[in-house]
Protein backbone atom coordinates (compact mmCIF):
# COMPACT_ATOMS: atom_id res chain seq x y z
CA MET A 1 -88.59 -23.66 -120.55
CA PRO A 2 -85.47 -25.11 -117.90
CA TYR A 3 -86.14 -27.29 -115.41
CA LEU A 4 -85.84 -25.03 -112.61
CA VAL A 5 -87.66 -22.56 -113.74
CA ARG A 6 -90.75 -25.06 -114.37
CA ILE A 7 -90.60 -26.52 -111.11
CA GLU A 8 -90.45 -22.71 -108.98
CA MET A 9 -93.00 -22.23 -111.53
CA GLU A 10 -95.12 -25.49 -110.06
CA ARG A 11 -94.25 -24.82 -106.98
CA SER A 12 -96.01 -21.44 -106.94
CA ARG A 13 -99.03 -22.73 -108.50
CA ARG A 14 -99.56 -24.90 -105.81
CA ARG A 15 -98.97 -21.96 -103.28
CA ILE A 16 -101.80 -19.79 -104.66
CA ARG A 17 -104.09 -22.73 -105.01
CA ASP A 18 -102.80 -24.16 -101.11
CA TYR A 19 -103.97 -19.97 -100.70
CA LEU A 20 -107.41 -19.93 -102.41
CA LEU A 21 -108.22 -23.11 -100.67
CA ASN A 22 -107.54 -21.57 -97.36
CA VAL A 23 -108.86 -18.09 -98.03
CA MET A 24 -112.28 -18.15 -100.05
CA THR A 25 -115.04 -20.43 -99.23
CA GLY A 26 -116.32 -22.26 -101.82
CA TYR A 27 -113.16 -22.67 -103.88
CA GLU A 28 -112.38 -26.57 -104.61
CA PHE A 29 -109.72 -28.24 -106.17
CA GLU A 30 -110.29 -31.82 -108.03
CA GLN A 31 -106.82 -33.46 -108.56
CA PRO A 32 -105.98 -34.14 -112.02
CA LYS A 33 -105.85 -37.92 -113.47
CA PRO A 34 -102.63 -38.49 -114.27
CA VAL A 35 -101.78 -39.52 -118.10
CA LEU A 36 -100.50 -43.09 -118.08
CA GLY A 37 -97.94 -44.62 -120.58
CA PHE A 38 -97.91 -43.83 -124.15
CA MET A 39 -102.05 -43.08 -125.96
CA ARG A 40 -103.22 -43.12 -122.17
CA ALA A 41 -103.02 -46.61 -121.87
CA THR A 42 -100.70 -48.72 -119.16
CA ALA A 43 -97.39 -50.15 -119.28
CA LEU A 44 -99.06 -53.79 -119.30
CA GLU A 45 -102.22 -52.57 -122.01
CA TYR A 46 -99.45 -51.45 -124.15
CA ALA A 47 -97.40 -54.40 -123.90
CA ALA A 48 -100.55 -55.90 -124.53
CA HIS A 49 -101.47 -54.02 -127.80
CA CYS A 50 -97.99 -54.76 -129.27
CA ARG A 51 -98.13 -58.21 -128.46
CA ARG A 52 -101.51 -58.78 -129.94
CA THR A 53 -100.68 -56.20 -133.04
CA THR A 54 -97.45 -58.69 -134.32
CA GLY A 55 -97.98 -60.89 -137.29
CA HIS A 56 -96.28 -63.77 -134.92
CA TYR A 57 -100.06 -63.66 -132.42
CA VAL A 58 -102.05 -66.39 -131.98
CA ALA A 59 -105.10 -65.68 -130.19
CA ALA A 60 -105.37 -69.43 -129.20
CA LEU A 61 -101.90 -69.73 -127.09
CA ASP A 62 -101.51 -65.70 -126.85
CA ARG A 63 -98.55 -65.31 -127.51
CA ALA A 64 -96.60 -66.61 -130.73
CA ASN A 65 -95.90 -70.22 -131.67
CA ILE A 66 -92.84 -70.69 -130.67
CA SER A 67 -91.14 -74.43 -132.09
CA ASN A 68 -87.14 -74.66 -133.63
CA LYS A 69 -89.17 -77.89 -135.88
CA ASP A 70 -89.04 -75.68 -139.18
CA GLN A 71 -85.15 -74.20 -138.67
CA GLY A 72 -82.91 -77.05 -139.41
CA PHE A 73 -81.84 -77.43 -135.65
CA CYS A 74 -79.94 -80.40 -134.89
CA CYS A 75 -81.24 -83.02 -131.60
């Protein structure tokens, strides 16, 4: 569906909803909760999940164990 057609359809739906709310008694509209991110997770939850599921994650540090000792760098 083209973008402008989708926007116009949403506008029509809202106008119909507003009309029904004003005309009919007992007609209620509950705002839907937005679906957040991948698998309904927030960005912070998704990033934390990705960090925990890597093979380098150390739970005690809450991050990967980073050191250059085994890399053979001088200094």
